[in-house]
């Protein structure tokens, strides 16, 4: 047995060639034709399919749908394969505990595996298994994005991703440490390292970049000011890279003067899928590592360009273990035209715009609570506030569902609440209510201080 089996199987020299980072990434893909990228994707998809055919999960899933080995000839037949989501994975887990059968292979001995779980935001935590190659592909691609937007050797990177069972903190640590030259301060959530302690070490070590969830970064700005530290001066952050809810960028950059904020998207099962580049002209799906389809949430058919739909991901890097072919994230996005300023051959999207499995239907109109932040950015009375909100779904006396959006503002009043309600009703196309509350008043409901991903919907029916 190799003394370092994970390192041997992750094959760093091969990784550097197949998934380049830094200048090598741009040299490889800038100006590449769509046909050349497609040829590369076909080779990698074939490797993933070979693993899937040896995986009990796909043997059952494809067998139930009449799919045989010879039927999966390439990406042209991708739409003929069944789509699956977390519910199928959890059902498989219940039948084949403790890890399910997605992380098993019948064609070779078991090798080293990395176990993480999902956050449990939409249900019970789900185990997520990675093989060495698939794990390092995603680490390299995330490190690539960090470098692309400007993180380098002179940066001190402060991470607020959690380090428990969830993937976030471990994944970010691996990406920064292995695929950038930056120094990492891996602080974790406010439970792991209190917010007060976090801003102290950020000032002490001169943090220049923040990585994690934008909601918590706004909280840290408030804590820093309360401690007499001025964001941008005493804590010289110049870059923020993480998960930015739609419409949150301006408020975040206002709280951290001098910093530019960049968004990227991924889930625990896939790792990073897409990211903004320096031009911030949409998300670039990292096409050497993922193929994305955007499908209608109801019909499952491809949507037209610009139409909101579910992101369905096929991971091209997970070719050694737990392959993902047509995995429905239930996160919503829409496609953008053209290649963008970077001149990359990759598909472009608007990034995450909400979740289809958290949709609220009000008088025939689909409303996505996680996307309401985008409409609040220019709502009356909201400017200069925290940007925090939570939606409360109620049932009125007449039996109809009614949504109330509770918004933190600097100066709460009934007049401000009425103006916000009018603004949101016009933007959403359906009447909603609003409540204006003081900064910090939604924290208990959203769980901002204890969760990586704040809750945005309370169902009070």
Protein backbone atom coordinates (compact mmCIF):
# COMPACT_ATOMS: atom_id res chain seq x y z
CA UNK A 1 0.00 0.00 0.00
CA UNK A 2 1.22 3.49 -0.84
CA UNK A 3 2.33 5.33 2.30
CA UNK A 4 0.34 8.39 1.17
CA UNK A 5 -2.66 6.98 -0.72
CA UNK A 6 -4.68 10.21 -0.81
CA UNK A 7 -1.79 12.20 -2.26
CA UNK A 8 -1.00 9.51 -4.80
CA UNK A 9 -4.61 9.25 -5.98
CA UNK A 10 -5.11 13.02 -6.10
CA UNK A 11 -2.12 13.12 -8.51
CA UNK A 12 -0.94 16.76 -8.10
CA UNK A 13 1.12 16.79 -11.31
CA UNK A 14 -1.87 15.66 -13.38
CA UNK A 15 -4.12 18.10 -11.52
CA UNK A 16 -1.92 21.05 -12.48
CA UNK A 17 -2.33 20.16 -16.15
CA UNK A 18 -6.03 19.27 -16.21
CA UNK A 19 -7.32 21.96 -13.85
CA UNK A 20 -4.91 24.91 -14.12
CA UNK A 21 -4.99 27.86 -11.73
CA UNK A 22 -3.55 31.38 -11.86
CA UNK A 23 -2.01 32.54 -15.13
CA UNK A 24 -2.14 28.99 -16.48
CA UNK A 25 -5.96 29.03 -16.18
CA UNK A 26 -6.29 32.15 -18.32
CA UNK A 27 -3.65 30.96 -20.79
CA UNK A 28 -5.60 27.73 -21.24
CA UNK A 29 -9.12 29.06 -21.64
CA UNK A 30 -9.15 32.69 -22.79
CA UNK A 31 -10.16 32.65 -26.45
CA UNK A 32 -10.82 28.90 -26.51
CA UNK A 33 -13.60 27.93 -28.90
CA UNK A 34 -16.85 26.35 -27.70
CA UNK A 35 -16.08 23.29 -29.82
CA UNK A 36 -12.70 22.79 -28.14
CA UNK A 37 -14.29 23.04 -24.70
CA UNK A 38 -17.01 20.59 -25.73
CA UNK A 39 -14.39 18.05 -26.83
CA UNK A 40 -12.70 18.35 -23.44
CA UNK A 41 -16.04 17.94 -21.66
CA UNK A 42 -16.85 14.81 -23.65
CA UNK A 43 -13.62 13.13 -22.53
CA UNK A 44 -14.28 13.94 -18.89
CA UNK A 45 -17.95 13.02 -19.10
CA UNK A 46 -16.97 9.59 -20.43
CA UNK A 47 -14.79 9.05 -17.34
CA UNK A 48 -17.65 10.04 -15.05
CA UNK A 49 -20.05 7.71 -16.86
CA UNK A 50 -17.66 4.78 -16.43
CA UNK A 51 -17.64 5.41 -12.69
CA UNK A 52 -21.43 5.82 -12.61
CA UNK A 53 -21.91 2.45 -14.32
CA UNK A 54 -19.90 0.86 -11.49
CA UNK A 55 -21.88 2.72 -8.80
CA UNK A 56 -24.88 0.88 -7.27
CA UNK A 57 -26.83 4.15 -7.01
CA UNK A 58 -26.77 4.66 -10.79
CA UNK A 59 -27.19 0.99 -11.53
CA UNK A 60 -30.59 1.25 -9.86
CA UNK A 61 -31.51 4.78 -10.98
CA UNK A 62 -30.68 4.20 -14.63
CA UNK A 63 -31.99 0.65 -14.59
CA UNK A 64 -35.39 1.86 -13.37
CA UNK A 65 -35.48 4.22 -16.34
CA UNK A 66 -34.41 1.64 -18.90
CA UNK A 67 -30.94 3.14 -19.37
CA UNK A 68 -28.24 0.64 -20.34
CA UNK A 69 -24.48 1.13 -20.57
CA UNK A 70 -24.44 1.54 -24.32
CA UNK A 71 -27.12 4.21 -24.23
CA UNK A 72 -24.91 6.87 -22.59
CA UNK A 73 -22.79 7.78 -25.59
CA UNK A 74 -21.99 11.39 -24.71
CA UNK A 75 -23.32 14.75 -23.65
CA UNK A 76 -25.76 14.77 -26.58
CA UNK A 77 -27.90 12.22 -24.73
CA UNK A 78 -27.63 13.92 -21.35
CA UNK A 79 -31.24 15.11 -21.44
CA UNK A 80 -32.42 11.50 -21.84
CA UNK A 81 -30.95 10.56 -18.45
CA UNK A 82 -33.04 10.91 -15.28
CA UNK A 83 -32.68 13.97 -13.10
CA UNK A 84 -32.39 13.34 -9.36
CA UNK A 85 -32.13 15.49 -6.25
CA UNK A 86 -31.48 15.30 -2.54
CA UNK A 87 -34.70 13.36 -1.91
CA UNK A 88 -33.41 10.43 -3.98
CA UNK A 89 -30.05 10.56 -2.20
CA UNK A 90 -31.74 10.56 1.21
CA UNK A 91 -33.99 7.64 0.24
CA UNK A 92 -30.90 5.73 -0.86
CA UNK A 93 -29.23 6.58 2.44
CA UNK A 94 -32.20 5.21 4.39
CA UNK A 95 -32.01 1.95 2.45
CA UNK A 96 -28.21 1.61 2.54
CA UNK A 97 -26.96 3.22 5.77
CA UNK A 98 -24.78 4.77 6.96
CA UNK A 99 -23.40 6.44 3.81
CA UNK A 100 -25.76 5.28 1.04
CA UNK A 101 -24.62 3.67 -2.20
CA UNK A 102 -23.62 6.78 -4.17
CA UNK A 103 -20.12 6.59 -2.68
CA UNK A 104 -19.55 2.90 -3.47
CA UNK A 105 -18.01 1.20 -6.52
CA UNK A 106 -18.33 -2.43 -7.58
CA UNK A 107 -15.33 -2.49 -9.93
CA UNK A 108 -12.42 -1.80 -7.58
CA UNK A 109 -11.37 -2.00 -3.92
CA UNK A 110 -12.43 0.82 -1.65
CA UNK A 111 -9.88 3.63 -1.37
CA UNK A 112 -9.52 6.73 0.81
CA UNK A 113 -12.64 8.89 1.14
CA UNK A 114 -13.46 12.30 2.57
CA UNK A 115 -16.75 12.58 4.47
CA UNK A 116 -18.61 15.85 4.93
CA UNK A 117 -22.32 16.58 5.32
CA UNK A 118 -24.75 19.16 4.05
CA UNK A 119 -25.82 21.93 6.41
CA UNK A 120 -29.31 20.53 6.87
CA UNK A 121 -30.84 23.84 5.73
CA UNK A 122 -33.63 22.02 3.88
CA UNK A 123 -33.84 18.88 6.02
CA UNK A 124 -31.64 16.34 7.81
CA UNK A 125 -27.90 16.60 7.12
CA UNK A 126 -26.86 14.40 4.22
CA UNK A 127 -23.48 12.65 4.07
CA UNK A 128 -21.34 13.75 1.14
CA UNK A 129 -18.43 11.52 0.14
CA UNK A 130 -15.48 12.56 -2.01
CA UNK A 131 -12.65 10.58 -3.54
CA UNK A 132 -9.17 12.15 -3.61
CA UNK A 133 -9.32 13.19 -7.27
CA UNK A 134 -12.80 14.69 -7.14
CA UNK A 135 -12.03 16.48 -3.89
CA UNK A 136 -8.87 18.08 -5.24
CA UNK A 137 -10.56 19.09 -8.49
CA UNK A 138 -12.99 21.20 -6.53
CA UNK A 139 -10.24 22.56 -4.27
CA UNK A 140 -8.23 23.57 -7.33
CA UNK A 141 -11.20 25.21 -9.06
CA UNK A 142 -12.08 27.23 -5.95
CA UNK A 143 -8.43 28.23 -5.55
CA UNK A 144 -8.46 29.22 -9.23
CA UNK A 145 -11.38 31.57 -8.63
CA UNK A 146 -9.75 33.10 -5.55
CA UNK A 147 -6.63 33.83 -7.60
CA UNK A 148 -8.63 35.08 -10.59
CA UNK A 149 -10.34 37.84 -8.60
CA UNK A 150 -7.07 38.92 -7.04
CA UNK A 151 -6.20 36.93 -3.91
CA UNK A 152 -2.44 36.49 -3.81
CA UNK A 153 0.73 36.26 -1.76
CA UNK A 154 0.26 39.61 0.00
CA UNK A 155 -3.21 38.76 1.28
CA UNK A 156 -4.39 37.65 4.71
CA UNK A 157 -7.65 35.80 4.08
CA UNK A 158 -10.21 35.70 6.89
CA UNK A 159 -12.65 32.79 6.50
CA UNK A 160 -15.98 32.58 8.32
CA UNK A 161 -17.01 29.22 6.88
CA UNK A 162 -17.87 26.64 9.55
CA UNK A 163 -15.58 23.75 10.49
CA UNK A 164 -18.03 21.18 11.82
CA UNK A 165 -19.43 18.38 9.71
CA UNK A 166 -20.32 20.74 6.86
CA UNK A 167 -18.03 21.15 3.89
CA UNK A 168 -17.50 24.92 3.93
CA UNK A 169 -14.61 25.63 6.30
CA UNK A 170 -12.61 22.54 5.38
CA UNK A 171 -13.12 23.12 1.67
CA UNK A 172 -12.12 26.80 1.79
CA UNK A 173 -9.09 26.01 3.95
CA UNK A 174 -7.89 23.36 1.50
CA UNK A 175 -8.41 25.64 -1.49
CA UNK A 176 -6.60 28.64 -0.02
CA UNK A 177 -3.75 26.65 1.52
CA UNK A 178 -3.08 24.43 -1.49
CA UNK A 179 -3.98 26.59 -4.49
CA UNK A 180 -3.10 30.17 -3.51
CA UNK A 181 -0.09 31.83 -1.87
CA UNK A 182 -2.20 33.73 0.67
CA UNK A 183 -2.15 33.43 4.48
CA UNK A 184 -5.39 31.99 5.89
CA UNK A 185 -7.15 32.99 9.12
CA UNK A 186 -9.70 30.22 9.44
CA UNK A 187 -11.96 31.71 12.11
CA UNK A 188 -15.16 29.82 11.37
CA UNK A 189 -18.63 30.88 12.45
CA UNK A 190 -19.60 33.18 15.29
CA UNK A 191 -20.07 30.12 17.49
CA UNK A 192 -16.55 28.81 16.82
CA UNK A 193 -14.93 32.22 17.24
CA UNK A 194 -17.08 35.01 18.65
CA UNK A 195 -17.72 37.99 16.40
CA UNK A 196 -15.92 40.24 18.87
CA UNK A 197 -12.84 38.02 18.79
CA UNK A 198 -12.99 37.79 14.99
CA UNK A 199 -12.75 41.52 14.43
CA UNK A 200 -9.88 41.71 16.92
CA UNK A 201 -7.78 39.16 15.04
CA UNK A 202 -8.75 40.69 11.70
CA UNK A 203 -7.31 43.98 12.90
CA UNK A 204 -4.30 42.32 14.57
CA UNK A 205 -3.23 40.39 11.48
CA UNK A 206 -4.36 42.91 8.88
CA UNK A 207 -7.04 40.89 7.07
CA UNK A 208 -7.24 41.98 3.44
CA UNK A 209 -9.78 39.46 2.12
CA UNK A 210 -12.97 37.95 3.53
CA UNK A 211 -14.39 34.62 2.36
CA UNK A 212 -17.73 33.19 3.41
CA UNK A 213 -21.35 34.37 3.57
CA UNK A 214 -22.18 38.03 2.99
CA UNK A 215 -24.86 38.08 5.68
CA UNK A 216 -22.27 37.49 8.38
CA UNK A 217 -19.81 39.98 6.89
CA UNK A 218 -22.37 42.74 7.46
CA UNK A 219 -22.63 41.62 11.07
CA UNK A 220 -18.83 41.76 11.46
CA UNK A 221 -18.78 45.33 10.16
CA UNK A 222 -21.23 46.35 12.88
CA UNK A 223 -19.24 44.53 15.57
CA UNK A 224 -16.01 46.15 14.39
CA UNK A 225 -17.50 49.63 14.63
CA UNK A 226 -18.91 48.88 18.08
CA UNK A 227 -15.37 47.91 19.13
CA UNK A 228 -13.96 51.20 17.81
CA UNK A 229 -12.47 49.62 14.68
CA UNK A 230 -13.16 51.23 11.33
CA UNK A 231 -13.72 48.74 8.47
CA UNK A 232 -11.46 49.64 5.59
CA UNK A 233 -9.04 51.56 7.80
CA UNK A 234 -8.29 49.49 10.92
CA UNK A 235 -9.23 46.30 9.06
CA UNK A 236 -7.88 46.84 5.51
CA UNK A 237 -10.19 44.47 3.62
CA UNK A 238 -9.96 44.98 -0.14
CA UNK A 239 -11.66 41.80 -1.40
CA UNK A 240 -14.77 39.90 -0.35
CA UNK A 241 -15.35 36.55 -2.05
CA UNK A 242 -18.25 34.33 -1.13
CA UNK A 243 -21.98 33.85 -1.32
CA UNK A 244 -23.71 37.18 -2.00
CA UNK A 245 -27.51 37.11 -1.90
CA UNK A 246 -29.05 38.86 -4.90
CA UNK A 247 -28.97 42.61 -4.40
CA UNK A 248 -26.59 42.55 -1.43
CA UNK A 249 -23.36 43.71 -3.10
CA UNK A 250 -23.81 47.47 -2.77
CA UNK A 251 -24.78 47.33 0.90
CA UNK A 252 -21.86 45.02 1.66
CA UNK A 253 -19.29 47.23 -0.07
CA UNK A 254 -20.73 50.23 1.73
CA UNK A 255 -20.10 48.51 5.05
CA UNK A 256 -16.53 47.63 4.02
CA UNK A 257 -15.26 50.78 2.27
CA UNK A 258 -12.68 50.13 -0.41
CA UNK A 259 -13.53 46.44 -0.81
CA UNK A 260 -14.84 44.82 -3.99
CA UNK A 261 -17.23 41.90 -3.48
CA UNK A 262 -17.38 38.83 -5.72
CA UNK A 263 -19.97 36.06 -5.78
CA UNK A 264 -19.53 32.34 -6.44
CA UNK A 265 -21.95 29.44 -6.39
CA UNK A 266 -21.76 25.79 -5.37
CA UNK A 267 -23.39 23.27 -3.07
CA UNK A 268 -21.94 20.63 -0.75
CA UNK A 269 -22.53 17.83 -3.25
CA UNK A 270 -20.77 19.52 -6.18
CA UNK A 271 -18.29 21.98 -4.73
CA UNK A 272 -17.90 25.18 -6.75
CA UNK A 273 -19.88 25.36 -9.98
CA UNK A 274 -19.72 28.98 -11.13
CA UNK A 275 -18.18 32.30 -10.15
CA UNK A 276 -17.81 35.93 -11.06
CA UNK A 277 -14.55 37.11 -12.56
CA UNK A 278 -12.84 40.51 -12.21
CA UNK A 279 -15.40 42.18 -14.53
CA UNK A 280 -18.32 40.96 -12.40
CA UNK A 281 -20.41 40.54 -15.56
CA UNK A 282 -22.21 37.37 -14.49
CA UNK A 283 -21.22 33.96 -13.25
CA UNK A 284 -18.94 31.80 -15.40
CA UNK A 285 -19.79 28.10 -15.07
CA UNK A 286 -16.38 26.42 -14.75
CA UNK A 287 -16.99 24.32 -17.83
CA UNK A 288 -13.95 22.11 -17.45
CA UNK A 289 -15.36 20.86 -14.14
CA UNK A 290 -19.15 21.15 -14.51
CA UNK A 291 -21.92 21.09 -17.09
CA UNK A 292 -25.01 23.06 -16.10
CA UNK A 293 -28.52 22.74 -17.44
CA UNK A 294 -31.25 25.22 -16.51
CA UNK A 295 -34.58 23.41 -16.34
CA UNK A 296 -38.13 24.51 -15.67
CA UNK A 297 -39.01 23.71 -12.05
CA UNK A 298 -42.35 22.16 -13.02
CA UNK A 299 -41.86 20.51 -16.40
CA UNK A 300 -38.17 19.61 -16.17
CA UNK A 301 -37.59 20.94 -19.70
CA UNK A 302 -34.85 23.35 -20.72
CA UNK A 303 -35.87 26.99 -20.35
CA UNK A 304 -35.23 29.75 -22.85
CA UNK A 305 -32.36 32.15 -22.28
CA UNK A 306 -33.16 34.64 -19.55
CA UNK A 307 -35.89 32.49 -17.99
CA UNK A 308 -35.49 31.44 -14.37
CA UNK A 309 -35.01 27.71 -13.81
CA UNK A 310 -33.40 25.06 -11.61
CA UNK A 311 -29.66 24.58 -11.86
CA UNK A 312 -29.07 20.92 -12.75
CA UNK A 313 -25.39 20.03 -12.53
CA UNK A 314 -23.23 17.27 -13.97
CA UNK A 315 -19.83 17.27 -12.25
CA UNK A 316 -17.02 16.42 -14.67
CA UNK A 317 -14.36 16.23 -11.95
CA UNK A 318 -16.02 13.61 -9.73
CA UNK A 319 -14.77 10.73 -11.82
CA UNK A 320 -13.31 8.61 -9.03
CA UNK A 321 -16.17 8.44 -6.50
CA UNK A 322 -19.76 9.62 -5.95
CA UNK A 323 -20.33 10.91 -9.49
CA UNK A 324 -23.07 13.46 -10.06
CA UNK A 325 -24.93 13.29 -13.36
CA UNK A 326 -27.97 15.59 -13.65
CA UNK A 327 -28.18 16.53 -9.99
CA UNK A 328 -30.95 19.05 -9.37
CA UNK A 329 -29.80 21.60 -6.82
CA UNK A 330 -33.21 23.35 -6.80
CA UNK A 331 -31.30 26.62 -6.79
CA UNK A 332 -32.58 29.04 -9.42
CA UNK A 333 -30.71 31.01 -12.06
CA UNK A 334 -31.04 32.22 -15.63
CA UNK A 335 -28.60 32.25 -18.52
CA UNK A 336 -26.76 35.28 -19.89
CA UNK A 337 -25.77 35.69 -23.55
CA UNK A 338 -22.22 35.83 -24.86
CA UNK A 339 -18.80 35.10 -23.42
CA UNK A 340 -18.37 38.19 -21.26
CA UNK A 341 -15.35 40.45 -20.85
CA UNK A 342 -13.05 37.55 -19.95
CA UNK A 343 -13.58 35.90 -23.38
CA UNK A 344 -13.95 32.46 -21.83
CA UNK A 345 -15.85 29.65 -23.57
CA UNK A 346 -17.87 28.99 -20.42
CA UNK A 347 -21.62 29.37 -20.02
CA UNK A 348 -22.65 32.49 -18.10
CA UNK A 349 -25.52 32.89 -15.63
CA UNK A 350 -26.88 35.44 -13.17
CA UNK A 351 -25.87 33.28 -10.20
CA UNK A 352 -28.26 32.00 -7.56
CA UNK A 353 -31.59 33.82 -7.59
CA UNK A 354 -33.51 31.78 -5.01
CA UNK A 355 -34.67 28.21 -4.40
CA UNK A 356 -37.53 26.50 -6.18
CA UNK A 357 -38.23 24.24 -3.18
CA UNK A 358 -38.79 27.34 -1.02
CA UNK A 359 -41.18 28.94 -3.49
CA UNK A 360 -44.36 30.54 -2.14
CA UNK A 361 -47.32 30.75 -4.51
CA UNK A 362 -49.44 33.83 -3.83
CA UNK A 363 -52.58 34.21 -5.95
CA UNK A 364 -50.94 32.38 -8.84
CA UNK A 365 -47.61 34.24 -8.65
CA UNK A 366 -44.40 32.42 -7.71
CA UNK A 367 -42.43 34.28 -5.04
CA UNK A 368 -38.97 33.19 -3.92
CA UNK A 369 -38.18 34.46 -0.39
CA UNK A 370 -34.41 34.00 -0.73
CA UNK A 371 -34.43 36.35 -3.74
CA UNK A 372 -36.35 39.21 -2.11
CA UNK A 373 -33.10 40.85 -1.00
CA UNK A 374 -32.54 41.95 -4.61
CA UNK A 375 -35.78 43.94 -4.54
CA UNK A 376 -35.01 45.47 -1.14
CA UNK A 377 -31.76 47.04 -2.32
CA UNK A 378 -33.57 50.11 -3.72
CA UNK A 379 -36.64 50.04 -1.49
CA UNK A 380 -37.58 53.26 0.34
CA UNK A 381 -35.99 53.65 3.74
CA UNK A 382 -33.69 50.65 3.42
CA UNK A 383 -30.53 52.45 2.27
CA UNK A 384 -27.84 52.45 4.95
CA UNK A 385 -29.53 49.73 6.99
CA UNK A 386 -28.26 46.20 7.58
CA UNK A 387 -29.93 44.60 4.54
CA UNK A 388 -31.33 41.87 6.77
CA UNK A 389 -34.85 40.55 6.32
CA UNK A 390 -37.07 37.55 6.94
CA UNK A 391 -40.36 36.54 5.31
CA UNK A 392 -43.33 35.35 7.33
CA UNK A 393 -45.97 33.28 5.53
CA UNK A 394 -49.39 33.63 7.15
CA UNK A 395 -52.90 32.40 6.46
CA UNK A 396 -55.56 35.09 6.55
CA UNK A 397 -59.07 34.68 7.90
CA UNK A 398 -60.40 34.22 4.35
CA UNK A 399 -58.09 31.21 3.89
CA UNK A 400 -55.67 32.95 1.50
CA UNK A 401 -51.91 32.86 2.02
CA UNK A 402 -50.24 36.20 2.75
CA UNK A 403 -46.53 37.05 2.87
CA UNK A 404 -45.12 39.67 5.25
CA UNK A 405 -41.53 40.78 4.73
CA UNK A 406 -39.86 41.92 7.95
CA UNK A 407 -37.05 44.34 7.06
CA UNK A 408 -34.35 45.92 9.21
CA UNK A 409 -34.12 49.68 8.61
CA UNK A 410 -32.27 52.52 10.32
CA UNK A 411 -35.44 54.36 11.37
CA UNK A 412 -38.45 52.02 11.64
CA UNK A 413 -41.89 53.54 11.14
CA UNK A 414 -45.31 52.60 9.85
CA UNK A 415 -44.76 54.92 6.89
CA UNK A 416 -41.51 53.19 5.95
CA UNK A 417 -43.17 49.78 6.24
CA UNK A 418 -46.01 50.90 3.96
CA UNK A 419 -43.55 52.26 1.39
CA UNK A 420 -41.57 49.01 1.42
CA UNK A 421 -44.76 46.97 0.99
CA UNK A 422 -45.79 49.10 -2.00
CA UNK A 423 -42.34 48.77 -3.54
CA UNK A 424 -42.17 44.99 -3.08
CA UNK A 425 -45.72 44.44 -4.30
CA UNK A 426 -44.88 46.26 -7.53
CA UNK A 427 -41.61 44.39 -7.99
CA UNK A 428 -43.09 40.95 -7.27
CA UNK A 429 -46.36 41.45 -9.10
CA UNK A 430 -48.47 40.43 -6.12
CA UNK A 431 -49.51 42.21 -2.93
CA UNK A 432 -47.31 41.53 0.11
CA UNK A 433 -47.08 43.17 3.51
CA UNK A 434 -44.04 44.62 5.25
CA UNK A 435 -42.85 45.40 8.73
CA UNK A 436 -39.98 47.78 9.45
CA UNK A 437 -37.86 46.83 12.46
CA UNK A 438 -34.65 48.06 14.08
CA UNK A 439 -31.22 46.73 13.07
CA UNK A 440 -30.60 43.32 14.63
CA UNK A 441 -34.28 42.56 15.22
CA UNK A 442 -34.44 39.73 12.67
CA UNK A 443 -31.31 37.92 13.91
CA UNK A 444 -33.17 35.45 16.12
CA UNK A 445 -35.56 34.50 13.33
CA UNK A 446 -32.89 34.16 10.63
CA UNK A 447 -30.33 32.55 12.93
CA UNK A 448 -27.68 34.88 11.50
CA UNK A 449 -25.42 34.57 14.54
CA UNK A 450 -25.47 30.76 14.64
CA UNK A 451 -26.02 29.60 11.04
CA UNK A 452 -23.85 29.83 7.96
CA UNK A 453 -26.94 30.34 5.81
CA UNK A 454 -29.62 32.49 7.43
CA UNK A 455 -33.23 31.34 7.17
CA UNK A 456 -35.38 33.66 5.09
CA UNK A 457 -38.81 32.08 5.48
CA UNK A 458 -40.97 31.41 8.52
CA UNK A 459 -44.13 29.45 7.75
CA UNK A 460 -46.67 30.55 10.36
CA UNK A 461 -49.72 28.97 8.73
